[in-house]
Amino acid sequence: MKKRHLASRPPSKQQAYDSMSDLNDPRVLFAAERTLLAWNRTSISLMAFGFVVERFGLFLEITGRDEIKVFQRHISFFVGISFVLLAAFTAIYSIWQHKRILKTIRPVEIPPGYNLKAGMFINAIIGVLGIALSIYLIRGFL
């Protein structure tokens, strides 16, 4: 009698997603928290860079020649605002992504009394502040 080789199929994306956390170890949760905070730092960096780019255009307008003032100011404004809005989107998107990961973590992996929402709350504040900064910069430009 011949042995049949059944090719083992790789798990589907949903199966891999559902069984992501099989370790029963809080380090999985803490790794997810570190990732969320890394996205937080990325958002803050993008926002700061966008603000600097936008304000640099104002500096060039004050110190530059008349022929290139308006053109440079518009470019730096739109690039700077784009970075600030990208930062706000990144902060808010990372909350959604983190919630998806938290669904895969079992209760045994969460230390008693640990606040799961603190990092998401901080990212939400960063996102809202990014939108507020964009509005402030747009009002100052117009």
N, C-alpha and C. Protein backbone atom coordinates (compact mmCIF):
# COMPACT_ATOMS: atom_id res chain seq x y z
N MET A 1 0.83 -1.17 0.00
CA MET A 1 0.00 0.00 0.00
C MET A 1 0.88 1.25 0.00
N LYS A 2 0.62 2.11 -0.93
CA LYS A 2 1.40 3.32 -1.07
C LYS A 2 0.94 4.38 -0.10
N LYS A 3 1.92 5.08 0.46
CA LYS A 3 1.61 6.20 1.34
C LYS A 3 1.24 7.41 0.51
N ARG A 4 0.19 8.02 0.89
CA ARG A 4 -0.21 9.25 0.22
C ARG A 4 0.42 10.44 0.88
N HIS A 5 1.02 11.25 0.10
CA HIS A 5 1.60 12.49 0.63
C HIS A 5 0.58 13.61 0.44
N LEU A 6 0.10 14.06 1.52
CA LEU A 6 -0.81 15.20 1.44
C LEU A 6 0.03 16.46 1.59
N ALA A 7 -0.04 17.25 0.61
CA ALA A 7 0.71 18.51 0.68
C ALA A 7 0.04 19.40 1.72
N SER A 8 0.83 19.79 2.66
CA SER A 8 0.25 20.67 3.67
C SER A 8 0.14 22.07 3.08
N ARG A 9 -1.04 22.59 3.18
CA ARG A 9 -1.28 23.92 2.64
C ARG A 9 -0.83 24.96 3.66
N PRO A 10 -0.26 26.04 3.19
CA PRO A 10 0.09 27.11 4.14
C PRO A 10 -1.20 27.71 4.71
N PRO A 11 -1.13 28.17 5.94
CA PRO A 11 -2.33 28.73 6.54
C PRO A 11 -2.78 30.00 5.80
N SER A 12 -4.07 30.19 5.78
CA SER A 12 -4.59 31.39 5.14
C SER A 12 -4.20 32.61 5.98
N LYS A 13 -4.39 33.78 5.42
CA LYS A 13 -4.05 35.00 6.16
C LYS A 13 -4.88 35.10 7.43
N GLN A 14 -6.16 34.73 7.33
CA GLN A 14 -7.03 34.83 8.51
C GLN A 14 -6.60 33.83 9.58
N GLN A 15 -6.22 32.59 9.18
CA GLN A 15 -5.75 31.61 10.16
C GLN A 15 -4.47 32.07 10.83
N ALA A 16 -3.56 32.63 10.05
CA ALA A 16 -2.32 33.13 10.63
C ALA A 16 -2.60 34.30 11.56
N TYR A 17 -3.55 35.13 11.18
CA TYR A 17 -3.91 36.29 11.99
C TYR A 17 -4.56 35.83 13.30
N ASP A 18 -5.45 34.83 13.22
CA ASP A 18 -6.14 34.35 14.42
C ASP A 18 -5.21 33.66 15.40
N SER A 19 -4.17 33.01 14.89
CA SER A 19 -3.28 32.25 15.78
C SER A 19 -1.95 32.95 15.98
N MET A 20 -1.92 34.27 15.82
CA MET A 20 -0.67 35.00 15.92
C MET A 20 -0.05 34.86 17.29
N SER A 21 -0.87 34.86 18.31
CA SER A 21 -0.36 34.88 19.67
C SER A 21 -0.63 33.55 20.35
N ASP A 22 0.29 32.62 20.25
CA ASP A 22 0.13 31.32 20.90
C ASP A 22 1.11 31.15 22.06
N LEU A 23 1.77 32.20 22.44
CA LEU A 23 2.84 32.07 23.43
C LEU A 23 2.36 32.19 24.87
N ASN A 24 1.18 32.76 25.08
CA ASN A 24 0.70 33.03 26.45
C ASN A 24 1.75 33.80 27.24
N ASP A 25 2.28 34.80 26.61
CA ASP A 25 3.39 35.55 27.17
C ASP A 25 3.10 37.04 26.99
N PRO A 26 3.23 37.85 28.04
CA PRO A 26 2.94 39.28 27.88
C PRO A 26 3.93 40.01 26.98
N ARG A 27 5.03 39.38 26.61
CA ARG A 27 5.98 40.05 25.72
C ARG A 27 5.38 40.35 24.36
N VAL A 28 4.39 39.55 23.95
CA VAL A 28 3.70 39.81 22.68
C VAL A 28 2.96 41.14 22.76
N LEU A 29 2.28 41.36 23.86
CA LEU A 29 1.58 42.63 24.07
C LEU A 29 2.57 43.79 24.10
N PHE A 30 3.65 43.61 24.80
CA PHE A 30 4.63 44.70 24.92
C PHE A 30 5.31 45.00 23.59
N ALA A 31 5.48 43.98 22.76
CA ALA A 31 6.03 44.21 21.42
C ALA A 31 5.05 45.04 20.59
N ALA A 32 3.77 44.75 20.72
CA ALA A 32 2.75 45.53 20.01
C ALA A 32 2.74 46.98 20.52
N GLU A 33 2.91 47.15 21.82
CA GLU A 33 2.96 48.51 22.39
C GLU A 33 4.18 49.27 21.88
N ARG A 34 5.32 48.60 21.79
CA ARG A 34 6.52 49.26 21.28
C ARG A 34 6.33 49.69 19.83
N THR A 35 5.66 48.86 19.06
CA THR A 35 5.39 49.20 17.67
C THR A 35 4.48 50.42 17.58
N LEU A 36 3.45 50.46 18.43
CA LEU A 36 2.56 51.61 18.46
C LEU A 36 3.33 52.89 18.82
N LEU A 37 4.19 52.79 19.79
CA LEU A 37 4.97 53.97 20.19
C LEU A 37 6.00 54.36 19.13
N ALA A 38 6.47 53.39 18.36
CA ALA A 38 7.37 53.72 17.24
C ALA A 38 6.61 54.52 16.18
N TRP A 39 5.37 54.13 15.92
CA TRP A 39 4.55 54.91 15.00
C TRP A 39 4.28 56.30 15.56
N ASN A 40 4.15 56.40 16.87
CA ASN A 40 3.96 57.69 17.52
C ASN A 40 5.17 58.59 17.27
N ARG A 41 6.36 58.06 17.48
CA ARG A 41 7.58 58.84 17.23
C ARG A 41 7.69 59.24 15.76
N THR A 42 7.31 58.34 14.87
CA THR A 42 7.35 58.65 13.45
C THR A 42 6.40 59.80 13.13
N SER A 43 5.20 59.76 13.71
CA SER A 43 4.22 60.83 13.49
C SER A 43 4.75 62.17 13.97
N ILE A 44 5.31 62.18 15.16
CA ILE A 44 5.84 63.43 15.71
C ILE A 44 6.98 63.97 14.84
N SER A 45 7.84 63.08 14.36
CA SER A 45 8.95 63.51 13.50
C SER A 45 8.45 64.08 12.19
N LEU A 46 7.48 63.41 11.57
CA LEU A 46 6.93 63.92 10.32
C LEU A 46 6.27 65.28 10.52
N MET A 47 5.58 65.42 11.64
CA MET A 47 4.90 66.68 11.93
C MET A 47 5.92 67.81 12.13
N ALA A 48 6.95 67.54 12.87
CA ALA A 48 7.98 68.56 13.11
C ALA A 48 8.67 68.94 11.80
N PHE A 49 8.98 67.95 10.99
CA PHE A 49 9.63 68.23 9.71
C PHE A 49 8.72 69.06 8.81
N GLY A 50 7.44 68.73 8.76
CA GLY A 50 6.49 69.49 7.96
C GLY A 50 6.38 70.93 8.42
N PHE A 51 6.38 71.13 9.73
CA PHE A 51 6.30 72.48 10.27
C PHE A 51 7.55 73.28 9.88
N VAL A 52 8.71 72.65 9.98
CA VAL A 52 9.96 73.34 9.63
C VAL A 52 9.97 73.68 8.14
N VAL A 53 9.55 72.76 7.30
CA VAL A 53 9.52 73.03 5.85
C VAL A 53 8.57 74.18 5.56
N GLU A 54 7.41 74.18 6.18
CA GLU A 54 6.43 75.24 5.94
C GLU A 54 6.97 76.59 6.40
N ARG A 55 7.57 76.64 7.56
CA ARG A 55 8.10 77.90 8.09
C ARG A 55 9.36 78.35 7.35
N PHE A 56 10.10 77.42 6.77
CA PHE A 56 11.28 77.79 6.00
C PHE A 56 10.87 78.59 4.77
N GLY A 57 9.73 78.25 4.20
CA GLY A 57 9.22 79.03 3.07
C GLY A 57 8.93 80.47 3.47
N LEU A 58 8.41 80.65 4.67
CA LEU A 58 8.17 82.00 5.17
C LEU A 58 9.50 82.75 5.34
N PHE A 59 10.50 82.05 5.84
CA PHE A 59 11.83 82.65 5.98
C PHE A 59 12.39 83.06 4.62
N LEU A 60 12.23 82.19 3.63
CA LEU A 60 12.72 82.52 2.29
C LEU A 60 11.97 83.70 1.69
N GLU A 61 10.68 83.80 1.99
CA GLU A 61 9.90 84.92 1.49
C GLU A 61 10.39 86.24 2.08
N ILE A 62 10.77 86.22 3.33
CA ILE A 62 11.24 87.43 3.99
C ILE A 62 12.63 87.82 3.49
N THR A 63 13.50 86.86 3.29
CA THR A 63 14.89 87.16 2.94
C THR A 63 15.21 87.03 1.46
N GLY A 64 14.31 86.44 0.65
CA GLY A 64 14.63 86.13 -0.74
C GLY A 64 14.38 87.27 -1.70
N ARG A 65 14.70 86.98 -2.96
CA ARG A 65 14.47 87.95 -4.03
C ARG A 65 13.00 87.92 -4.44
N ASP A 66 12.55 89.00 -5.02
CA ASP A 66 11.14 89.15 -5.39
C ASP A 66 10.70 88.14 -6.45
N GLU A 67 11.59 87.78 -7.36
CA GLU A 67 11.21 86.89 -8.46
C GLU A 67 10.82 85.49 -7.99
N ILE A 68 11.42 85.03 -6.90
CA ILE A 68 11.18 83.65 -6.48
C ILE A 68 10.41 83.54 -5.16
N LYS A 69 10.06 84.63 -4.57
CA LYS A 69 9.40 84.60 -3.26
C LYS A 69 8.10 83.83 -3.27
N VAL A 70 7.18 84.20 -4.14
CA VAL A 70 5.85 83.61 -4.12
C VAL A 70 5.91 82.14 -4.48
N PHE A 71 6.68 81.81 -5.49
CA PHE A 71 6.77 80.41 -5.93
C PHE A 71 7.32 79.52 -4.82
N GLN A 72 8.40 79.94 -4.18
CA GLN A 72 8.98 79.14 -3.10
C GLN A 72 8.05 79.03 -1.91
N ARG A 73 7.36 80.09 -1.60
CA ARG A 73 6.44 80.08 -0.45
C ARG A 73 5.32 79.07 -0.68
N HIS A 74 4.79 79.02 -1.90
CA HIS A 74 3.71 78.07 -2.18
C HIS A 74 4.19 76.63 -2.12
N ILE A 75 5.34 76.38 -2.68
CA ILE A 75 5.87 75.01 -2.66
C ILE A 75 6.13 74.55 -1.24
N SER A 76 6.82 75.37 -0.47
CA SER A 76 7.12 74.95 0.91
C SER A 76 5.85 74.82 1.73
N PHE A 77 4.85 75.65 1.45
CA PHE A 77 3.58 75.54 2.18
C PHE A 77 2.92 74.20 1.91
N PHE A 78 2.78 73.85 0.64
CA PHE A 78 2.08 72.60 0.31
C PHE A 78 2.86 71.37 0.73
N VAL A 79 4.16 71.40 0.60
CA VAL A 79 4.97 70.26 1.05
C VAL A 79 4.91 70.13 2.58
N GLY A 80 5.04 71.26 3.28
CA GLY A 80 4.98 71.24 4.73
C GLY A 80 3.65 70.76 5.26
N ILE A 81 2.55 71.28 4.69
CA ILE A 81 1.21 70.85 5.11
C ILE A 81 1.02 69.36 4.80
N SER A 82 1.55 68.91 3.69
CA SER A 82 1.43 67.48 3.34
C SER A 82 2.10 66.61 4.39
N PHE A 83 3.27 67.00 4.85
CA PHE A 83 3.96 66.23 5.89
C PHE A 83 3.17 66.24 7.21
N VAL A 84 2.61 67.38 7.57
CA VAL A 84 1.84 67.45 8.82
C VAL A 84 0.59 66.58 8.72
N LEU A 85 -0.10 66.63 7.58
CA LEU A 85 -1.30 65.79 7.41
C LEU A 85 -0.94 64.31 7.34
N LEU A 86 0.19 63.99 6.73
CA LEU A 86 0.66 62.60 6.72
C LEU A 86 0.93 62.12 8.14
N ALA A 87 1.50 62.98 8.96
CA ALA A 87 1.76 62.63 10.36
C ALA A 87 0.46 62.37 11.10
N ALA A 88 -0.54 63.21 10.89
CA ALA A 88 -1.83 63.02 11.56
C ALA A 88 -2.47 61.71 11.10
N PHE A 89 -2.42 61.44 9.81
CA PHE A 89 -2.97 60.18 9.29
C PHE A 89 -2.23 58.98 9.88
N THR A 90 -0.92 59.05 9.95
CA THR A 90 -0.11 57.96 10.49
C THR A 90 -0.48 57.68 11.94
N ALA A 91 -0.64 58.72 12.73
CA ALA A 91 -1.00 58.55 14.14
C ALA A 91 -2.36 57.88 14.28
N ILE A 92 -3.32 58.31 13.48
CA ILE A 92 -4.67 57.75 13.58
C ILE A 92 -4.71 56.34 13.01
N TYR A 93 -4.03 56.10 11.90
CA TYR A 93 -4.00 54.76 11.31
C TYR A 93 -3.33 53.76 12.26
N SER A 94 -2.31 54.19 12.98
CA SER A 94 -1.63 53.26 13.89
C SER A 94 -2.55 52.81 15.03
N ILE A 95 -3.52 53.64 15.40
CA ILE A 95 -4.50 53.23 16.41
C ILE A 95 -5.33 52.07 15.87
N TRP A 96 -5.80 52.20 14.66
CA TRP A 96 -6.60 51.14 14.05
C TRP A 96 -5.79 49.84 13.93
N GLN A 97 -4.55 49.98 13.51
CA GLN A 97 -3.69 48.80 13.36
C GLN A 97 -3.46 48.13 14.73
N HIS A 98 -3.23 48.94 15.75
CA HIS A 98 -2.97 48.40 17.09
C HIS A 98 -4.22 47.68 17.63
N LYS A 99 -5.39 48.22 17.35
CA LYS A 99 -6.63 47.55 17.79
C LYS A 99 -6.77 46.18 17.14
N ARG A 100 -6.38 46.08 15.88
CA ARG A 100 -6.42 44.77 15.20
C ARG A 100 -5.49 43.78 15.87
N ILE A 101 -4.32 44.23 16.28
CA ILE A 101 -3.38 43.34 16.95
C ILE A 101 -3.90 42.93 18.32
N LEU A 102 -4.50 43.87 19.04
CA LEU A 102 -5.01 43.56 20.38
C LEU A 102 -6.09 42.49 20.35
N LYS A 103 -6.83 42.40 19.25
CA LYS A 103 -7.86 41.36 19.13
C LYS A 103 -7.26 39.96 19.12
N THR A 104 -6.01 39.84 18.73
CA THR A 104 -5.37 38.53 18.64
C THR A 104 -4.72 38.10 19.95
N ILE A 105 -4.63 39.00 20.90
CA ILE A 105 -3.94 38.71 22.16
C ILE A 105 -4.94 38.14 23.16
N ARG A 106 -4.56 37.04 23.76
CA ARG A 106 -5.43 36.38 24.75
C ARG A 106 -5.36 37.11 26.09
N PRO A 107 -6.43 37.01 26.87
CA PRO A 107 -6.45 37.67 28.19
C PRO A 107 -5.31 37.23 29.11
N VAL A 108 -4.83 35.99 28.96
CA VAL A 108 -3.75 35.52 29.82
C VAL A 108 -2.45 36.26 29.53
N GLU A 109 -2.34 36.86 28.35
CA GLU A 109 -1.13 37.58 27.97
C GLU A 109 -1.13 39.04 28.43
N ILE A 110 -2.23 39.48 29.01
CA ILE A 110 -2.34 40.86 29.47
C ILE A 110 -2.14 40.89 30.98
N PRO A 111 -1.14 41.60 31.46
CA PRO A 111 -0.92 41.68 32.91
C PRO A 111 -2.13 42.30 33.61
N PRO A 112 -2.46 41.81 34.80
CA PRO A 112 -3.62 42.36 35.53
C PRO A 112 -3.46 43.87 35.76
N GLY A 113 -4.51 44.60 35.48
CA GLY A 113 -4.51 46.04 35.71
C GLY A 113 -3.79 46.86 34.67
N TYR A 114 -3.34 46.24 33.60
CA TYR A 114 -2.59 46.96 32.57
C TYR A 114 -3.56 47.74 31.69
N ASN A 115 -3.26 49.01 31.46
CA ASN A 115 -4.11 49.87 30.64
C ASN A 115 -3.75 49.72 29.17
N LEU A 116 -4.64 49.13 28.40
CA LEU A 116 -4.39 48.90 26.98
C LEU A 116 -4.65 50.14 26.13
N LYS A 117 -5.33 51.11 26.66
CA LYS A 117 -5.77 52.25 25.85
C LYS A 117 -4.85 53.47 25.95
N ALA A 118 -3.88 53.48 26.82
CA ALA A 118 -3.05 54.67 27.02
C ALA A 118 -2.27 55.05 25.76
N GLY A 119 -1.62 54.09 25.13
CA GLY A 119 -0.85 54.38 23.91
C GLY A 119 -1.73 54.85 22.78
N MET A 120 -2.91 54.23 22.66
CA MET A 120 -3.84 54.64 21.61
C MET A 120 -4.35 56.06 21.87
N PHE A 121 -4.58 56.39 23.13
CA PHE A 121 -5.04 57.73 23.48
C PHE A 121 -3.98 58.77 23.12
N ILE A 122 -2.73 58.47 23.41
CA ILE A 122 -1.64 59.39 23.07
C ILE A 122 -1.55 59.59 21.56
N ASN A 123 -1.68 58.51 20.79
CA ASN A 123 -1.63 58.65 19.34
C ASN A 123 -2.83 59.44 18.82
N ALA A 124 -3.99 59.28 19.44
CA ALA A 124 -5.16 60.06 19.04
C ALA A 124 -4.91 61.55 19.27
N ILE A 125 -4.30 61.87 20.40
CA ILE A 125 -3.98 63.28 20.68
C ILE A 125 -3.01 63.82 19.63
N ILE A 126 -2.00 63.04 19.28
CA ILE A 126 -1.03 63.47 18.26
C ILE A 126 -1.75 63.70 16.92
N GLY A 127 -2.66 62.81 16.56
CA GLY A 127 -3.42 62.98 15.32
C GLY A 127 -4.26 64.23 15.32
N VAL A 128 -4.96 64.48 16.42
CA VAL A 128 -5.80 65.68 16.52
C VAL A 128 -4.94 66.95 16.50
N LEU A 129 -3.81 66.91 17.20
CA LEU A 129 -2.91 68.07 17.18
C LEU A 129 -2.35 68.32 15.79
N GLY A 130 -2.10 67.26 15.04
CA GLY A 130 -1.63 67.43 13.66
C GLY A 130 -2.66 68.10 12.79
N ILE A 131 -3.92 67.72 12.96
CA ILE A 131 -4.99 68.36 12.20
C ILE A 131 -5.12 69.82 12.62
N ALA A 132 -5.04 70.08 13.93
CA ALA A 132 -5.13 71.46 14.43
C ALA A 132 -3.96 72.30 13.91
N LEU A 133 -2.76 71.73 13.87
CA LEU A 133 -1.61 72.46 13.34
C LEU A 133 -1.79 72.77 11.86
N SER A 134 -2.35 71.82 11.13
CA SER A 134 -2.61 72.07 9.70
C SER A 134 -3.58 73.23 9.51
N ILE A 135 -4.63 73.24 10.31
CA ILE A 135 -5.60 74.34 10.22
C ILE A 135 -4.95 75.67 10.55
N TYR A 136 -4.12 75.67 11.60
CA TYR A 136 -3.41 76.90 11.98
C TYR A 136 -2.51 77.39 10.85
N LEU A 137 -1.77 76.49 10.24
CA LEU A 137 -0.85 76.87 9.16
C LEU A 137 -1.62 77.34 7.92
N ILE A 138 -2.72 76.69 7.62
CA ILE A 138 -3.52 77.09 6.46
C ILE A 138 -4.12 78.48 6.69
N ARG A 139 -4.63 78.72 7.87
CA ARG A 139 -5.20 80.04 8.17
C ARG A 139 -4.12 81.13 8.10
N GLY A 140 -2.91 80.81 8.52
CA GLY A 140 -1.83 81.78 8.46
C GLY A 140 -1.37 82.03 7.03
N PHE A 141 -1.56 81.07 6.15
CA PHE A 141 -1.13 81.22 4.77
C PHE A 141 -2.11 82.07 3.96
N LEU A 142 -3.39 81.90 4.26
CA LEU A 142 -4.42 82.59 3.47
C LEU A 142 -4.55 84.04 3.79
